Protein backbone atom coordinates (compact mmCIF):
# COMPACT_ATOMS: atom_id res chain seq x y z
CA MET A 1 0.00 0.00 0.00
CA SER A 2 1.12 3.53 -0.71
CA ARG A 3 2.51 5.59 2.16
CA LEU A 4 0.02 8.40 1.45
CA LYS A 5 -2.99 6.09 1.16
CA ASP A 6 -2.06 4.43 4.43
CA LYS A 7 -1.87 7.87 6.08
CA TYR A 8 -5.28 8.76 4.61
CA LEU A 9 -6.95 5.61 5.90
CA LYS A 10 -5.42 5.67 9.39
CA GLU A 11 -5.19 9.38 10.25
CA ILE A 12 -6.99 11.65 7.80
CA LEU A 13 -10.25 9.71 7.28
CA PRO A 14 -11.21 9.67 11.00
CA LYS A 15 -10.24 13.35 11.38
CA LEU A 16 -12.32 14.42 8.37
CA LYS A 17 -15.23 12.25 9.48
CA GLU A 18 -15.26 14.05 12.82
CA GLU A 19 -14.74 17.55 11.33
CA PHE A 20 -17.51 17.28 8.74
CA GLY A 21 -19.88 15.21 10.89
CA ALA A 22 -20.14 12.37 8.39
CA LYS A 23 -22.10 9.32 9.42
CA ASN A 24 -20.04 6.82 7.41
CA ASP A 25 -16.66 6.63 5.68
CA LEU A 26 -18.07 7.01 2.17
CA ALA A 27 -19.44 10.48 2.96
CA VAL A 28 -15.92 11.75 3.73
CA PRO A 29 -14.08 13.46 0.84
CA ARG A 30 -11.38 11.36 -0.81
CA LEU A 31 -9.20 11.54 -3.90
CA ASP A 32 -10.91 10.32 -7.07
CA LYS A 33 -8.27 10.80 -9.78
CA ILE A 34 -5.34 12.92 -10.92
CA VAL A 35 -5.20 14.11 -14.52
CA LEU A 36 -1.87 15.19 -16.07
CA ASN A 37 -1.98 17.24 -19.27
CA ILE A 38 0.67 18.70 -21.59
CA GLY A 39 -0.43 20.89 -24.48
CA ALA A 40 1.72 21.00 -27.62
CA GLY A 41 0.24 23.18 -30.32
CA GLU A 42 3.39 23.06 -32.45
CA ALA A 43 3.19 19.26 -32.65
CA LYS A 44 1.22 19.67 -35.88
CA ASP A 45 4.45 20.84 -37.56
CA ASN A 46 6.92 18.45 -35.90
CA LYS A 47 5.84 14.88 -35.06
CA GLY A 48 9.00 14.27 -32.99
CA ILE A 49 7.79 16.71 -30.35
CA MET A 50 4.69 14.63 -29.65
CA ASP A 51 6.68 11.39 -29.43
CA ASN A 52 9.06 12.99 -26.94
CA LEU A 53 6.18 14.37 -24.84
CA VAL A 54 4.49 10.96 -24.74
CA LEU A 55 7.74 9.40 -23.48
CA GLN A 56 8.23 12.10 -20.84
CA LEU A 57 4.66 12.00 -19.54
CA GLY A 58 4.79 8.21 -19.50
CA SER A 59 7.94 8.24 -17.38
CA ILE A 60 6.50 10.87 -15.02
CA SER A 61 3.20 9.05 -14.49
CA GLY A 62 4.23 5.41 -14.87
CA GLN A 63 1.38 4.88 -17.30
CA LYS A 64 1.01 5.28 -21.08
CA PRO A 65 -0.50 8.67 -21.99
CA VAL A 66 -3.14 9.33 -24.62
CA VAL A 67 -2.51 11.76 -27.47
CA THR A 68 -5.32 14.32 -27.60
CA LEU A 69 -6.56 15.44 -31.01
CA SER A 70 -8.18 18.70 -32.07
CA ARG A 71 -11.97 18.58 -32.27
CA ALA A 72 -12.42 21.24 -34.92
CA SER A 73 -10.47 23.09 -37.57
CA ILE A 74 -9.29 26.58 -36.63
CA ALA A 75 -7.91 28.54 -39.57
CA GLY A 76 -6.31 31.24 -37.41
CA PHE A 77 -4.08 28.65 -35.75
CA LYS A 78 -3.53 26.65 -38.97
CA LEU A 79 -5.03 23.68 -37.18
CA GLY A 80 -7.02 20.93 -38.85
CA LYS A 81 -9.56 18.62 -37.28
CA GLY A 82 -7.94 15.47 -35.86
CA GLN A 83 -4.39 16.84 -35.54
CA PRO A 84 -2.47 16.09 -32.31
CA VAL A 85 -2.49 19.03 -29.88
CA GLY A 86 -1.38 17.48 -26.59
CA THR A 87 -1.11 14.44 -24.40
CA MET A 88 -2.81 13.45 -21.16
CA VAL A 89 -2.99 10.66 -18.62
CA THR A 90 -5.47 9.86 -15.86
CA LEU A 91 -4.12 8.28 -12.67
CA ARG A 92 -6.31 6.35 -10.26
CA ALA A 93 -5.89 4.09 -7.22
CA ILE A 94 -2.33 3.28 -6.14
CA ARG A 95 -0.62 5.20 -8.98
CA MET A 96 -2.58 8.31 -8.01
CA TYR A 97 -1.38 8.15 -4.40
CA ASN A 98 2.20 7.39 -5.45
CA PHE A 99 2.23 10.35 -7.86
CA LEU A 100 0.77 12.75 -5.27
CA ASP A 101 3.31 11.57 -2.68
CA LYS A 102 6.14 12.16 -5.17
CA LEU A 103 4.72 15.58 -6.09
CA ILE A 104 4.46 16.73 -2.47
CA SER A 105 7.68 15.30 -1.07
CA ILE A 106 10.13 15.41 -4.01
CA VAL A 107 9.00 17.64 -6.89
CA LEU A 108 7.53 20.77 -5.26
CA PRO A 109 10.53 21.28 -2.94
CA LYS A 110 12.73 21.42 -6.09
CA VAL A 111 10.85 24.44 -7.47
CA ARG A 112 12.99 27.56 -7.29
CA ASP A 113 11.82 30.20 -4.79
CA PHE A 114 8.88 28.03 -3.77
CA ARG A 115 6.68 29.71 -1.18
CA GLY A 116 3.66 27.46 -1.34
CA LEU A 117 0.74 26.81 -3.64
CA SER A 118 -2.17 29.18 -4.08
CA LYS A 119 -5.35 28.34 -2.20
CA ASP A 120 -7.42 30.03 -4.92
CA ALA A 121 -7.06 27.31 -7.58
CA PHE A 122 -10.06 25.29 -6.38
CA ASP A 123 -13.20 25.05 -8.48
CA SER A 124 -16.70 25.00 -6.99
CA ARG A 125 -16.56 21.19 -6.49
CA GLY A 126 -13.29 21.18 -4.53
CA ASN A 127 -11.02 20.04 -7.38
CA TYR A 128 -7.55 21.60 -7.47
CA THR A 129 -5.64 22.53 -10.63
CA LEU A 130 -1.92 23.23 -10.52
CA GLY A 131 0.24 24.40 -13.41
CA LEU A 132 3.98 23.81 -13.59
CA ARG A 133 6.08 25.80 -16.06
CA GLU A 134 8.24 22.81 -16.95
CA GLN A 135 8.18 19.09 -16.37
CA ASN A 136 11.98 18.89 -16.02
CA ILE A 137 11.70 19.19 -12.23
CA PHE A 138 10.52 15.57 -12.09
CA PRO A 139 13.41 13.20 -11.39
CA GLU A 140 12.40 10.83 -14.23
CA VAL A 141 12.88 13.47 -16.91
CA ALA A 142 16.42 14.19 -18.04
CA TYR A 143 17.12 17.89 -18.51
CA GLN A 144 18.56 17.38 -21.99
CA SER A 145 15.46 15.53 -23.23
CA GLY A 146 13.33 18.67 -23.52
CA ALA A 147 10.66 18.51 -26.23
CA GLY A 148 12.06 20.59 -29.07
CA SER A 149 13.68 23.88 -28.16
CA LYS A 150 10.91 25.11 -25.87
CA LEU A 151 10.08 23.92 -22.37
CA LYS A 152 6.54 22.61 -21.99
CA GLY A 153 4.21 23.28 -19.11
CA LEU A 154 2.41 20.57 -17.19
CA GLU A 155 -1.13 20.87 -15.84
CA ILE A 156 -2.06 18.71 -12.85
CA THR A 157 -5.72 18.44 -11.83
CA ILE A 158 -6.49 16.71 -8.53
CA VAL A 159 -10.13 15.56 -8.54
CA SER A 160 -11.78 14.71 -5.22
CA THR A 161 -15.23 13.63 -4.11
CA SER A 162 -15.65 16.73 -1.95
CA ARG A 163 -18.82 18.81 -2.20
CA ASP A 164 -17.26 22.28 -2.01
CA LYS A 165 -14.00 24.22 -1.90
CA ASP A 166 -13.59 24.02 1.85
CA GLN A 167 -13.80 20.22 1.94
CA GLY A 168 -11.36 19.87 -0.95
CA ARG A 169 -8.92 22.35 0.61
CA ARG A 170 -9.04 20.59 3.99
CA LEU A 171 -8.47 17.19 2.37
CA LEU A 172 -5.38 18.39 0.51
CA GLU A 173 -4.06 20.23 3.57
CA LEU A 174 -4.22 17.05 5.63
CA LEU A 175 -2.58 15.06 2.82
CA GLY A 176 0.38 17.47 3.09
CA MET A 177 -0.11 19.82 0.13
CA PRO A 178 2.08 22.89 0.84
CA PHE A 179 -0.27 25.87 0.56
CA LYS A 180 0.78 29.46 1.18
CA GLY A 181 0.46 30.47 4.81
CA SER A 182 0.35 26.94 6.24
């Protein structure tokens, strides 16, 4: 079992159950999935960029990513319907907990001048979205293996079963997410 999942089941679940007055364990907010996304608009011109991004995201997540395709043609961007525009992967169960543990304990401390994550990035359902400027801060990605000449950003969405922002924020705080001011 993952270190973070074990902590959730033994420490966080009873604390959240008491704080929110839940009658059973299933009413307590928990992590549902983590979605990782890298957009690559210039992949339509260079197919090697997309192959490199798929390899990088696969090594970061431990799971094969899916190449996302454009849904419609947009003449202003010289984009045709069905062209690759990014790659994404959805993590669940043990891989989700392992990734979040790695993000909190290894990756975020490597960010230069890190002062904590914003508490304002929650949506109305308590899901948290985090954007990283580059995926090279992950230990699995070699610095020289950047996709093309530009560094790509990485979007991480943490989806929970919480009902509102406060429940989602409290869940991530107890899991160890380093927010500003905590």
